[in-house]
Amino acid sequence: MSLSSEELREEIIKMGALVEKILTLALDRRSSLDEIFQIENEVNQYHKTIDDDVFKYIALKTPIARDLRMALSVMKINAELERMADQAVSITHWSQKVKGQYPIISTMTREVLQMVKAGIDAFVEADVRKATDVIQRDQNINDLNREVIKVFLGRMQTAEITFEEGFSVIRVAKNLERIGDLTTNIAEDVIFLVSGDDIRHGKGEKIARKYLKGDEV
């Protein structure tokens, strides 16, 4: 028996909540790898289940128009969320090697968590404006990542910090930047779901500007 498109939507919302949880824990240095691995296993099970449910839905119900876009969007968002959980494991690994407290990493962490929440909310609410806002915010994450690389390479070169410390901070920033990219992909999937527009490969910013202005696309 296959699920309905609404039930597929509910499954991905539950998956999103689980991924928000693992990211929040991963960015808290008090969390253990065991905690993270336990949630990652749950995410991986959801990933397989949702993919199977989407395949059954398409095969048995041959959806068209919005229902088909929902199924395809759920499958793509499912993959992005699973990759976010992988990034959470990596963040936990590297952040436990970081000894200092760095405001730029705190800022980047806060921005990324807000971005992920906004991306998932955009899907839940089928809100194109929220999705386009997420796409625009990704540039700030990219800028912060470049700044981290520049600053911490400099500190490593002048022996202000150890190589292990600097490299670990850079790896955390890279994982955060990757989560920003994955969230941007989810936002693009939301726009595809709602409008049918495929805004990948450089088309996103132009369409985002139109939506934020209130124009028809």
N, C-alpha and C. Protein backbone atom coordinates (compact mmCIF):
# COMPACT_ATOMS: atom_id res chain seq x y z
N MET A 1 0.85 -1.20 0.00
CA MET A 1 0.00 0.00 0.00
C MET A 1 0.88 1.24 0.00
N SER A 2 0.62 2.18 -0.91
CA SER A 2 1.45 3.38 -0.98
C SER A 2 0.83 4.51 -0.19
N LEU A 3 1.68 5.45 0.22
CA LEU A 3 1.22 6.61 0.96
C LEU A 3 0.62 7.64 0.01
N SER A 4 -0.09 8.61 0.58
CA SER A 4 -0.58 9.74 -0.21
C SER A 4 0.52 10.79 -0.28
N SER A 5 0.35 11.78 -1.15
CA SER A 5 1.34 12.85 -1.25
C SER A 5 1.43 13.62 0.07
N GLU A 6 0.31 13.77 0.75
CA GLU A 6 0.32 14.46 2.05
C GLU A 6 1.10 13.66 3.09
N GLU A 7 0.98 12.34 3.05
CA GLU A 7 1.73 11.50 3.98
C GLU A 7 3.23 11.54 3.68
N LEU A 8 3.59 11.62 2.39
CA LEU A 8 5.00 11.79 2.04
C LEU A 8 5.52 13.10 2.61
N ARG A 9 4.71 14.13 2.48
CA ARG A 9 5.08 15.46 3.02
C ARG A 9 5.31 15.37 4.52
N GLU A 10 4.43 14.67 5.24
CA GLU A 10 4.57 14.53 6.68
C GLU A 10 5.84 13.77 7.04
N GLU A 11 6.20 12.78 6.23
CA GLU A 11 7.43 12.02 6.50
C GLU A 11 8.66 12.91 6.41
N ILE A 12 8.69 13.76 5.40
CA ILE A 12 9.88 14.61 5.23
C ILE A 12 9.94 15.68 6.31
N ILE A 13 8.79 16.10 6.83
CA ILE A 13 8.78 17.06 7.94
C ILE A 13 9.39 16.42 9.19
N LYS A 14 9.06 15.16 9.44
CA LYS A 14 9.65 14.44 10.58
C LYS A 14 11.16 14.26 10.39
N MET A 15 11.56 13.95 9.17
CA MET A 15 12.98 13.82 8.85
C MET A 15 13.70 15.16 9.10
N GLY A 16 13.07 16.25 8.69
CA GLY A 16 13.65 17.57 8.89
C GLY A 16 13.84 17.90 10.36
N ALA A 17 12.86 17.56 11.19
CA ALA A 17 12.97 17.80 12.63
C ALA A 17 14.13 17.02 13.23
N LEU A 18 14.31 15.79 12.76
CA LEU A 18 15.41 14.95 13.26
C LEU A 18 16.76 15.54 12.85
N VAL A 19 16.84 16.05 11.65
CA VAL A 19 18.10 16.65 11.18
C VAL A 19 18.40 17.95 11.93
N GLU A 20 17.37 18.75 12.20
CA GLU A 20 17.59 19.95 13.03
C GLU A 20 18.15 19.55 14.39
N LYS A 21 17.64 18.47 14.95
CA LYS A 21 18.11 17.99 16.26
C LYS A 21 19.58 17.58 16.20
N ILE A 22 19.96 16.81 15.18
CA ILE A 22 21.34 16.33 15.12
C ILE A 22 22.31 17.48 14.87
N LEU A 23 21.89 18.47 14.09
CA LEU A 23 22.76 19.62 13.85
C LEU A 23 22.94 20.44 15.12
N THR A 24 21.86 20.64 15.87
CA THR A 24 21.96 21.40 17.12
C THR A 24 22.90 20.69 18.09
N LEU A 25 22.77 19.38 18.20
CA LEU A 25 23.66 18.62 19.09
C LEU A 25 25.10 18.65 18.60
N ALA A 26 25.29 18.52 17.30
CA ALA A 26 26.65 18.49 16.74
C ALA A 26 27.39 19.80 17.00
N LEU A 27 26.65 20.90 17.06
CA LEU A 27 27.27 22.21 17.25
C LEU A 27 27.41 22.57 18.73
N ASP A 28 27.05 21.63 19.59
CA ASP A 28 27.25 21.78 21.03
C ASP A 28 28.40 20.85 21.43
N ARG A 29 29.50 21.41 21.85
CA ARG A 29 30.70 20.61 22.12
C ARG A 29 30.50 19.60 23.25
N ARG A 30 29.45 19.77 24.02
CA ARG A 30 29.20 18.82 25.11
C ARG A 30 28.62 17.51 24.61
N SER A 31 28.18 17.48 23.36
CA SER A 31 27.58 16.28 22.79
C SER A 31 28.65 15.24 22.47
N SER A 32 28.30 13.99 22.64
CA SER A 32 29.25 12.91 22.35
C SER A 32 29.00 12.35 20.94
N LEU A 33 30.02 11.73 20.41
CA LEU A 33 29.87 11.08 19.11
C LEU A 33 28.83 9.97 19.16
N ASP A 34 28.74 9.30 20.30
CA ASP A 34 27.73 8.23 20.43
C ASP A 34 26.32 8.77 20.25
N GLU A 35 26.04 9.94 20.86
CA GLU A 35 24.72 10.57 20.68
C GLU A 35 24.45 10.88 19.21
N ILE A 36 25.47 11.43 18.57
CA ILE A 36 25.33 11.83 17.17
C ILE A 36 25.13 10.62 16.28
N PHE A 37 25.90 9.56 16.51
CA PHE A 37 25.78 8.35 15.70
C PHE A 37 24.39 7.71 15.86
N GLN A 38 23.84 7.78 17.05
CA GLN A 38 22.52 7.19 17.29
C GLN A 38 21.46 7.92 16.44
N ILE A 39 21.52 9.24 16.43
CA ILE A 39 20.55 10.00 15.64
C ILE A 39 20.82 9.83 14.15
N GLU A 40 22.11 9.75 13.79
CA GLU A 40 22.43 9.55 12.37
C GLU A 40 21.84 8.23 11.87
N ASN A 41 21.88 7.20 12.71
CA ASN A 41 21.28 5.92 12.31
C ASN A 41 19.77 6.06 12.07
N GLU A 42 19.11 6.85 12.91
CA GLU A 42 17.68 7.11 12.70
C GLU A 42 17.45 7.84 11.38
N VAL A 43 18.30 8.83 11.11
CA VAL A 43 18.19 9.59 9.85
C VAL A 43 18.38 8.65 8.66
N ASN A 44 19.36 7.77 8.75
CA ASN A 44 19.62 6.85 7.64
C ASN A 44 18.43 5.91 7.40
N GLN A 45 17.79 5.49 8.48
CA GLN A 45 16.60 4.64 8.32
C GLN A 45 15.46 5.40 7.67
N TYR A 46 15.26 6.65 8.11
CA TYR A 46 14.25 7.50 7.48
C TYR A 46 14.56 7.67 5.99
N HIS A 47 15.83 7.89 5.68
CA HIS A 47 16.24 8.10 4.30
C HIS A 47 15.81 6.93 3.41
N LYS A 48 16.08 5.73 3.86
CA LYS A 48 15.70 4.53 3.09
C LYS A 48 14.18 4.38 2.99
N THR A 49 13.52 4.58 4.13
CA THR A 49 12.06 4.42 4.15
C THR A 49 11.37 5.41 3.22
N ILE A 50 11.79 6.67 3.30
CA ILE A 50 11.14 7.70 2.47
C ILE A 50 11.40 7.44 1.00
N ASP A 51 12.61 7.08 0.63
CA ASP A 51 12.88 6.75 -0.78
C ASP A 51 11.98 5.61 -1.26
N ASP A 52 11.87 4.56 -0.43
CA ASP A 52 11.01 3.43 -0.80
C ASP A 52 9.56 3.88 -0.97
N ASP A 53 9.10 4.72 -0.05
CA ASP A 53 7.71 5.18 -0.12
C ASP A 53 7.46 6.04 -1.36
N VAL A 54 8.45 6.85 -1.73
CA VAL A 54 8.29 7.67 -2.94
C VAL A 54 8.23 6.79 -4.18
N PHE A 55 9.11 5.81 -4.26
CA PHE A 55 9.10 4.90 -5.41
C PHE A 55 7.74 4.19 -5.54
N LYS A 56 7.22 3.70 -4.42
CA LYS A 56 5.92 3.02 -4.43
C LYS A 56 4.82 3.99 -4.86
N TYR A 57 4.87 5.21 -4.35
CA TYR A 57 3.86 6.21 -4.68
C TYR A 57 3.84 6.49 -6.18
N ILE A 58 5.01 6.70 -6.76
CA ILE A 58 5.08 7.00 -8.19
C ILE A 58 4.63 5.80 -9.02
N ALA A 59 5.07 4.60 -8.61
CA ALA A 59 4.74 3.40 -9.38
C ALA A 59 3.26 3.05 -9.32
N LEU A 60 2.64 3.21 -8.16
CA LEU A 60 1.27 2.75 -7.97
C LEU A 60 0.22 3.82 -8.26
N LYS A 61 0.59 5.09 -8.11
CA LYS A 61 -0.42 6.15 -8.26
C LYS A 61 -0.20 7.03 -9.49
N THR A 62 0.93 6.81 -10.17
CA THR A 62 1.25 7.60 -11.37
C THR A 62 0.79 9.05 -11.24
N PRO A 63 1.35 9.79 -10.26
CA PRO A 63 0.91 11.16 -10.03
C PRO A 63 1.29 12.09 -11.18
N ILE A 64 0.56 13.19 -11.30
CA ILE A 64 0.87 14.21 -12.30
C ILE A 64 0.85 15.58 -11.63
N ALA A 65 1.39 16.57 -12.34
CA ALA A 65 1.38 17.97 -11.91
C ALA A 65 1.95 18.12 -10.50
N ARG A 66 1.21 18.80 -9.62
CA ARG A 66 1.70 19.13 -8.28
C ARG A 66 2.03 17.87 -7.48
N ASP A 67 1.22 16.83 -7.59
CA ASP A 67 1.48 15.61 -6.84
C ASP A 67 2.80 14.97 -7.26
N LEU A 68 3.09 15.00 -8.54
CA LEU A 68 4.36 14.46 -9.01
C LEU A 68 5.52 15.33 -8.52
N ARG A 69 5.34 16.65 -8.56
CA ARG A 69 6.39 17.54 -8.07
C ARG A 69 6.63 17.32 -6.58
N MET A 70 5.55 17.05 -5.83
CA MET A 70 5.71 16.76 -4.41
C MET A 70 6.57 15.51 -4.20
N ALA A 71 6.28 14.46 -4.95
CA ALA A 71 7.04 13.22 -4.81
C ALA A 71 8.52 13.43 -5.15
N LEU A 72 8.78 14.12 -6.26
CA LEU A 72 10.16 14.37 -6.67
C LEU A 72 10.88 15.28 -5.67
N SER A 73 10.18 16.29 -5.17
CA SER A 73 10.78 17.20 -4.19
C SER A 73 11.09 16.48 -2.89
N VAL A 74 10.18 15.63 -2.46
CA VAL A 74 10.41 14.86 -1.23
C VAL A 74 11.65 13.99 -1.38
N MET A 75 11.80 13.36 -2.53
CA MET A 75 12.97 12.50 -2.74
C MET A 75 14.27 13.31 -2.71
N LYS A 76 14.25 14.48 -3.35
CA LYS A 76 15.46 15.31 -3.38
C LYS A 76 15.77 15.89 -2.00
N ILE A 77 14.75 16.38 -1.32
CA ILE A 77 14.97 16.95 0.01
C ILE A 77 15.43 15.86 0.98
N ASN A 78 14.89 14.67 0.84
CA ASN A 78 15.32 13.53 1.65
C ASN A 78 16.82 13.31 1.53
N ALA A 79 17.33 13.38 0.31
CA ALA A 79 18.77 13.19 0.10
C ALA A 79 19.58 14.32 0.71
N GLU A 80 19.09 15.57 0.59
CA GLU A 80 19.81 16.70 1.16
C GLU A 80 19.87 16.60 2.68
N LEU A 81 18.77 16.20 3.29
CA LEU A 81 18.73 16.07 4.75
C LEU A 81 19.67 14.97 5.24
N GLU A 82 19.72 13.87 4.51
CA GLU A 82 20.64 12.78 4.90
C GLU A 82 22.08 13.26 4.84
N ARG A 83 22.41 14.06 3.83
CA ARG A 83 23.77 14.59 3.72
C ARG A 83 24.08 15.57 4.84
N MET A 84 23.07 16.31 5.28
CA MET A 84 23.27 17.21 6.42
C MET A 84 23.65 16.43 7.68
N ALA A 85 23.01 15.29 7.88
CA ALA A 85 23.34 14.46 9.03
C ALA A 85 24.79 13.97 8.94
N ASP A 86 25.24 13.65 7.74
CA ASP A 86 26.65 13.27 7.56
C ASP A 86 27.57 14.41 7.95
N GLN A 87 27.20 15.62 7.57
CA GLN A 87 28.00 16.79 7.93
C GLN A 87 28.01 17.00 9.45
N ALA A 88 26.89 16.69 10.11
CA ALA A 88 26.82 16.81 11.56
C ALA A 88 27.83 15.89 12.24
N VAL A 89 27.97 14.68 11.73
CA VAL A 89 28.97 13.75 12.28
C VAL A 89 30.38 14.33 12.14
N SER A 90 30.66 14.88 10.96
CA SER A 90 31.97 15.47 10.72
C SER A 90 32.22 16.67 11.63
N ILE A 91 31.19 17.50 11.81
CA ILE A 91 31.34 18.67 12.70
C ILE A 91 31.68 18.21 14.12
N THR A 92 30.99 17.19 14.59
CA THR A 92 31.26 16.69 15.94
C THR A 92 32.70 16.22 16.06
N HIS A 93 33.17 15.49 15.07
CA HIS A 93 34.55 14.99 15.07
C HIS A 93 35.55 16.13 15.17
N TRP A 94 35.40 17.15 14.32
CA TRP A 94 36.37 18.23 14.28
C TRP A 94 36.21 19.21 15.42
N SER A 95 34.99 19.50 15.83
CA SER A 95 34.79 20.50 16.88
C SER A 95 35.35 20.03 18.22
N GLN A 96 35.38 18.71 18.43
CA GLN A 96 35.95 18.20 19.67
C GLN A 96 37.47 18.35 19.74
N LYS A 97 38.08 18.67 18.60
CA LYS A 97 39.52 18.95 18.57
C LYS A 97 39.83 20.43 18.78
N VAL A 98 38.80 21.27 18.72
CA VAL A 98 38.99 22.71 18.87
C VAL A 98 39.00 23.08 20.35
N LYS A 99 40.05 23.77 20.77
CA LYS A 99 40.19 24.12 22.19
C LYS A 99 39.65 25.51 22.50
N GLY A 100 39.78 26.43 21.54
CA GLY A 100 39.40 27.81 21.80
C GLY A 100 37.95 28.11 21.48
N GLN A 101 37.55 29.34 21.81
CA GLN A 101 36.21 29.84 21.48
C GLN A 101 36.41 30.98 20.46
N TYR A 102 35.77 30.88 19.31
CA TYR A 102 36.00 31.84 18.25
C TYR A 102 34.68 32.47 17.80
N PRO A 103 34.55 33.79 17.99
CA PRO A 103 33.28 34.47 17.64
C PRO A 103 32.82 34.23 16.21
N ILE A 104 33.75 34.15 15.26
CA ILE A 104 33.35 33.98 13.86
C ILE A 104 32.68 32.62 13.64
N ILE A 105 33.15 31.59 14.35
CA ILE A 105 32.52 30.28 14.25
C ILE A 105 31.15 30.29 14.93
N SER A 106 31.05 31.02 16.06
CA SER A 106 29.74 31.15 16.73
C SER A 106 28.74 31.84 15.82
N THR A 107 29.19 32.89 15.13
CA THR A 107 28.32 33.61 14.20
C THR A 107 27.89 32.71 13.05
N MET A 108 28.84 31.99 12.50
CA MET A 108 28.55 31.11 11.38
C MET A 108 27.58 30.00 11.80
N THR A 109 27.79 29.46 12.99
CA THR A 109 26.91 28.42 13.52
C THR A 109 25.48 28.93 13.65
N ARG A 110 25.34 30.11 14.25
CA ARG A 110 24.01 30.69 14.43
C ARG A 110 23.33 30.94 13.09
N GLU A 111 24.07 31.48 12.13
CA GLU A 111 23.51 31.77 10.81
C GLU A 111 23.06 30.49 10.10
N VAL A 112 23.86 29.45 10.20
CA VAL A 112 23.54 28.19 9.52
C VAL A 112 22.30 27.54 10.14
N LEU A 113 22.23 27.51 11.47
CA LEU A 113 21.06 26.92 12.12
C LEU A 113 19.78 27.67 11.76
N GLN A 114 19.86 29.00 11.70
CA GLN A 114 18.70 29.80 11.30
C GLN A 114 18.31 29.50 9.85
N MET A 115 19.33 29.33 9.02
CA MET A 115 19.09 29.05 7.60
C MET A 115 18.41 27.70 7.42
N VAL A 116 18.89 26.69 8.14
CA VAL A 116 18.29 25.35 8.05
C VAL A 116 16.83 25.40 8.50
N LYS A 117 16.56 26.06 9.62
CA LYS A 117 15.18 26.17 10.11
C LYS A 117 14.30 26.87 9.06
N ALA A 118 14.82 27.94 8.48
CA ALA A 118 14.04 28.68 7.47
C ALA A 118 13.78 27.81 6.24
N GLY A 119 14.77 27.00 5.84
CA GLY A 119 14.59 26.12 4.68
C GLY A 119 13.52 25.07 4.92
N ILE A 120 13.54 24.47 6.11
CA ILE A 120 12.53 23.46 6.44
C ILE A 120 11.15 24.12 6.58
N ASP A 121 11.12 25.29 7.20
CA ASP A 121 9.85 26.02 7.32
C ASP A 121 9.28 26.36 5.94
N ALA A 122 10.16 26.72 5.02
CA ALA A 122 9.71 27.06 3.67
C ALA A 122 9.01 25.87 3.02
N PHE A 123 9.55 24.67 3.27
CA PHE A 123 8.89 23.47 2.74
C PHE A 123 7.56 23.22 3.44
N VAL A 124 7.55 23.28 4.76
CA VAL A 124 6.33 23.02 5.53
C VAL A 124 5.20 23.95 5.09
N GLU A 125 5.56 25.23 4.86
CA GLU A 125 4.55 26.24 4.54
C GLU A 125 4.38 26.45 3.03
N ALA A 126 5.18 25.72 2.22
CA ALA A 126 5.17 25.93 0.77
C ALA A 126 5.32 27.42 0.47
N ASP A 127 6.31 28.04 1.12
CA ASP A 127 6.49 29.49 1.08
C ASP A 127 7.68 29.84 0.18
N VAL A 128 7.39 30.34 -0.99
CA VAL A 128 8.43 30.68 -1.95
C VAL A 128 9.29 31.84 -1.47
N ARG A 129 8.67 32.80 -0.80
CA ARG A 129 9.44 33.94 -0.31
C ARG A 129 10.48 33.51 0.73
N LYS A 130 10.10 32.62 1.62
CA LYS A 130 11.07 32.10 2.60
C LYS A 130 12.17 31.33 1.89
N ALA A 131 11.80 30.58 0.87
CA ALA A 131 12.80 29.81 0.13
C ALA A 131 13.79 30.73 -0.57
N THR A 132 13.31 31.80 -1.18
CA THR A 132 14.21 32.72 -1.87
C THR A 132 15.10 33.46 -0.88
N ASP A 133 14.57 33.73 0.31
CA ASP A 133 15.39 34.37 1.34
C ASP A 133 16.54 33.45 1.74
N VAL A 134 16.26 32.15 1.85
CA VAL A 134 17.31 31.18 2.17
C VAL A 134 18.41 31.20 1.11
N ILE A 135 18.02 31.24 -0.14
CA ILE A 135 18.99 31.26 -1.24
C ILE A 135 19.90 32.47 -1.12
N GLN A 136 19.32 33.61 -0.80
CA GLN A 136 20.12 34.83 -0.69
C GLN A 136 21.05 34.80 0.51
N ARG A 137 20.62 34.17 1.60
CA ARG A 137 21.43 34.13 2.82
C ARG A 137 22.66 33.23 2.67
N ASP A 138 22.64 32.35 1.71
CA ASP A 138 23.77 31.43 1.53
C ASP A 138 25.06 32.18 1.23
N GLN A 139 24.96 33.33 0.57
CA GLN A 139 26.17 34.09 0.24
C GLN A 139 26.90 34.54 1.50
N ASN A 140 26.14 34.88 2.54
CA ASN A 140 26.76 35.28 3.80
C ASN A 140 27.55 34.13 4.42
N ILE A 141 27.01 32.92 4.33
CA ILE A 141 27.72 31.75 4.85
C ILE A 141 29.01 31.52 4.06
N ASN A 142 28.94 31.67 2.75
CA ASN A 142 30.14 31.51 1.92
C ASN A 142 31.20 32.54 2.28
N ASP A 143 30.77 33.78 2.52
CA ASP A 143 31.71 34.84 2.90
C ASP A 143 32.37 34.54 4.25
N LEU A 144 31.58 34.06 5.20
CA LEU A 144 32.14 33.72 6.51
C LEU A 144 33.14 32.57 6.40
N ASN A 145 32.83 31.59 5.56
CA ASN A 145 33.76 30.47 5.37
C ASN A 145 35.09 30.95 4.80
N ARG A 146 35.03 31.83 3.81
CA ARG A 146 36.28 32.37 3.24
C ARG A 146 37.06 33.16 4.28
N GLU A 147 36.34 33.90 5.12
CA GLU A 147 37.02 34.67 6.16
C GLU A 147 37.71 33.75 7.17
N VAL A 148 37.04 32.66 7.54
CA VAL A 148 37.65 31.70 8.47
C VAL A 148 38.94 31.14 7.89
N ILE A 149 38.90 30.73 6.64
CA ILE A 149 40.10 30.18 6.00
C ILE A 149 41.23 31.19 6.02
N LYS A 150 40.93 32.42 5.63
CA LYS A 150 41.95 33.48 5.58
C LYS A 150 42.55 33.74 6.97
N VAL A 151 41.68 33.92 7.95
CA VAL A 151 42.14 34.28 9.30
C VAL A 151 42.94 33.15 9.93
N PHE A 152 42.43 31.92 9.83
CA PHE A 152 43.07 30.83 10.56
C PHE A 152 44.31 30.29 9.84
N LEU A 153 44.37 30.41 8.54
CA LEU A 153 45.63 30.10 7.86
C LEU A 153 46.71 31.07 8.31
N GLY A 154 46.33 32.34 8.44
CA GLY A 154 47.28 33.35 8.92
C GLY A 154 47.76 33.04 10.33
N ARG A 155 46.85 32.67 11.20
CA ARG A 155 47.23 32.36 12.58
C ARG A 155 48.12 31.12 12.67
N MET A 156 47.86 30.17 11.79
CA MET A 156 48.71 28.97 11.76
C MET A 156 50.11 29.32 11.27
N GLN A 157 50.21 30.18 10.27
CA GLN A 157 51.50 30.55 9.69
C GLN A 157 52.36 31.33 10.68
N THR A 158 51.70 32.13 11.54
CA THR A 158 52.45 32.91 12.53
C THR A 158 52.59 32.18 13.86
N ALA A 159 52.15 30.92 13.90
CA ALA A 159 52.22 30.08 15.11
C ALA A 159 51.42 30.66 16.27
N GLU A 160 50.41 31.48 15.94
CA GLU A 160 49.52 31.99 16.98
C GLU A 160 48.68 30.86 17.55
N ILE A 161 48.34 29.89 16.69
CA ILE A 161 47.64 28.68 17.11
C ILE A 161 48.35 27.49 16.48
N THR A 162 48.07 26.30 17.01
CA THR A 162 48.68 25.11 16.45
C THR A 162 48.04 24.75 15.11
N PHE A 163 48.75 23.94 14.35
CA PHE A 163 48.20 23.48 13.07
C PHE A 163 46.91 22.71 13.30
N GLU A 164 46.90 21.81 14.31
CA GLU A 164 45.71 20.99 14.56
C GLU A 164 44.51 21.87 14.90
N GLU A 165 44.74 22.91 15.73
CA GLU A 165 43.65 23.80 16.11
C GLU A 165 43.10 24.54 14.88
N GLY A 166 44.01 25.14 14.12
CA GLY A 166 43.57 25.91 12.96
C GLY A 166 42.89 25.04 11.91
N PHE A 167 43.45 23.88 11.65
CA PHE A 167 42.88 22.98 10.64
C PHE A 167 41.49 22.50 11.08
N SER A 168 41.34 22.22 12.37
CA SER A 168 40.05 21.74 12.88
C SER A 168 38.98 22.83 12.76
N VAL A 169 39.35 24.07 13.06
CA VAL A 169 38.40 25.18 12.92
C VAL A 169 37.98 25.33 11.46
N ILE A 170 38.95 25.25 10.55
CA ILE A 170 38.65 25.37 9.12
C ILE A 170 37.73 24.25 8.65
N ARG A 171 37.95 23.05 9.17
CA ARG A 171 37.09 21.93 8.79
C ARG A 171 35.66 22.13 9.30
N VAL A 172 35.50 22.63 10.52
CA VAL A 172 34.16 22.92 11.04
C VAL A 172 33.46 23.94 10.15
N ALA A 173 34.20 24.99 9.78
CA ALA A 173 33.62 26.03 8.92
C ALA A 173 33.22 25.46 7.56
N LYS A 174 34.04 24.58 7.01
CA LYS A 174 33.72 23.97 5.72
C LYS A 174 32.46 23.12 5.82
N ASN A 175 32.32 22.36 6.91
CA ASN A 175 31.10 21.57 7.10
C ASN A 175 29.88 22.47 7.20
N LEU A 176 30.01 23.59 7.91
CA LEU A 176 28.91 24.54 8.03
C LEU A 176 28.55 25.14 6.66
N GLU A 177 29.58 25.47 5.90
CA GLU A 177 29.34 26.01 4.55
C GLU A 177 28.62 24.99 3.68
N ARG A 178 28.98 23.73 3.82
CA ARG A 178 28.33 22.68 3.05
C ARG A 178 26.87 22.53 3.46
N ILE A 179 26.58 22.65 4.74
CA ILE A 179 25.18 22.59 5.19
C ILE A 179 24.40 23.75 4.57
N GLY A 180 25.02 24.92 4.47
CA GLY A 180 24.38 26.05 3.81
C GLY A 180 24.04 25.73 2.36
N ASP A 181 24.96 25.08 1.67
CA ASP A 181 24.70 24.68 0.27
C ASP A 181 23.52 23.70 0.19
N LEU A 182 23.50 22.73 1.09
CA LEU A 182 22.42 21.73 1.08
C LEU A 182 21.08 22.38 1.39
N THR A 183 21.09 23.35 2.29
CA THR A 183 19.85 24.07 2.60
C THR A 183 19.38 24.88 1.40
N THR A 184 20.32 25.46 0.68
CA THR A 184 19.98 26.18 -0.55
C THR A 184 19.32 25.24 -1.55
N ASN A 185 19.83 24.03 -1.65
CA ASN A 185 19.21 23.04 -2.54
C ASN A 185 17.77 22.76 -2.14
N ILE A 186 17.53 22.67 -0.82
CA ILE A 186 16.16 22.45 -0.35
C ILE A 186 15.27 23.62 -0.74
N ALA A 187 15.78 24.83 -0.59
CA ALA A 187 15.00 26.02 -0.96
C ALA A 187 14.66 25.99 -2.45
N GLU A 188 15.60 25.56 -3.27
CA GLU A 188 15.34 25.45 -4.71
C GLU A 188 14.28 24.39 -4.98
N ASP A 189 14.31 23.31 -4.20
CA ASP A 189 13.30 22.27 -4.35
C ASP A 189 11.91 22.79 -3.97
N VAL A 190 11.85 23.64 -2.96
CA VAL A 190 10.57 24.23 -2.56
C VAL A 190 10.00 25.08 -3.70
N ILE A 191 10.85 25.87 -4.33
CA ILE A 191 10.38 26.70 -5.44
C ILE A 191 9.90 25.83 -6.60
N PHE A 192 10.61 24.75 -6.86
CA PHE A 192 10.17 23.81 -7.90
C PHE A 192 8.83 23.21 -7.54
N LEU A 193 8.66 22.81 -6.27
CA LEU A 193 7.41 22.21 -5.83
C LEU A 193 6.24 23.17 -6.03
N VAL A 194 6.41 24.40 -5.60
CA VAL A 194 5.30 25.35 -5.62
C VAL A 194 5.02 25.88 -7.03
N SER A 195 6.08 26.18 -7.78
CA SER A 195 5.90 26.91 -9.04
C SER A 195 6.18 26.08 -10.29
N GLY A 196 6.95 24.99 -10.12
CA GLY A 196 7.38 24.24 -11.28
C GLY A 196 8.64 24.78 -11.91
N ASP A 197 9.19 25.88 -11.37
CA ASP A 197 10.42 26.46 -11.91
C ASP A 197 11.64 25.70 -11.42
N ASP A 198 12.51 25.31 -12.34
CA ASP A 198 13.79 24.70 -12.00
C ASP A 198 14.82 25.81 -11.98
N ILE A 199 15.28 26.19 -10.78
CA ILE A 199 16.17 27.35 -10.67
C ILE A 199 17.61 26.97 -10.35
N ARG A 200 17.95 25.72 -10.60
CA ARG A 200 19.32 25.28 -10.34
C ARG A 200 20.30 25.87 -11.36
N HIS A 201 21.59 25.72 -11.06
CA HIS A 201 22.67 26.09 -11.99
C HIS A 201 22.63 27.56 -12.38
N GLY A 202 22.58 28.41 -11.36
CA GLY A 202 22.75 29.84 -11.60
C GLY A 202 21.49 30.62 -11.87
N LYS A 203 20.34 29.96 -11.95
CA LYS A 203 19.10 30.68 -12.23
C LYS A 203 18.42 31.16 -10.95
N GLY A 204 18.87 30.68 -9.82
CA GLY A 204 18.16 30.95 -8.58
C GLY A 204 18.10 32.40 -8.18
N GLU A 205 19.21 33.12 -8.31
CA GLU A 205 19.24 34.50 -7.84
C GLU A 205 18.28 35.38 -8.63
N LYS A 206 18.22 35.21 -9.94
CA LYS A 206 17.33 36.01 -10.78
C LYS A 206 15.87 35.79 -10.40
N ILE A 207 15.49 34.51 -10.25
CA ILE A 207 14.11 34.21 -9.90
C ILE A 207 13.81 34.65 -8.47
N ALA A 208 14.79 34.51 -7.59
CA ALA A 208 14.60 34.95 -6.21
C ALA A 208 14.28 36.43 -6.15
N ARG A 209 15.00 37.24 -6.91
CA ARG A 209 14.75 38.69 -6.91
C ARG A 209 13.33 38.99 -7.36
N LYS A 210 12.84 38.25 -8.35
CA LYS A 210 11.47 38.48 -8.84
C LYS A 210 10.46 38.15 -7.76
N TYR A 211 10.68 37.02 -7.07
CA TYR A 211 9.72 36.64 -6.04
C TYR A 211 9.74 37.65 -4.89
N LEU A 212 10.92 38.11 -4.50
CA LEU A 212 11.01 39.04 -3.37
C LEU A 212 10.41 40.39 -3.71
N LYS A 213 10.37 40.73 -5.01
CA LYS A 213 9.72 41.96 -5.45
C LYS A 213 8.22 41.80 -5.58
N GLY A 214 7.76 40.54 -5.51
CA GLY A 214 6.34 40.28 -5.65
C GLY A 214 5.90 40.12 -7.09
N ASP A 215 6.88 39.99 -8.01
CA ASP A 215 6.54 39.83 -9.43
C ASP A 215 6.15 38.39 -9.72
N GLU A 216 5.45 38.20 -10.81
CA GLU A 216 5.15 36.84 -11.26
C GLU A 216 6.38 36.30 -12.01
N VAL A 217 6.62 35.02 -11.84
CA VAL A 217 7.76 34.38 -12.52
C VAL A 217 7.26 33.44 -13.59
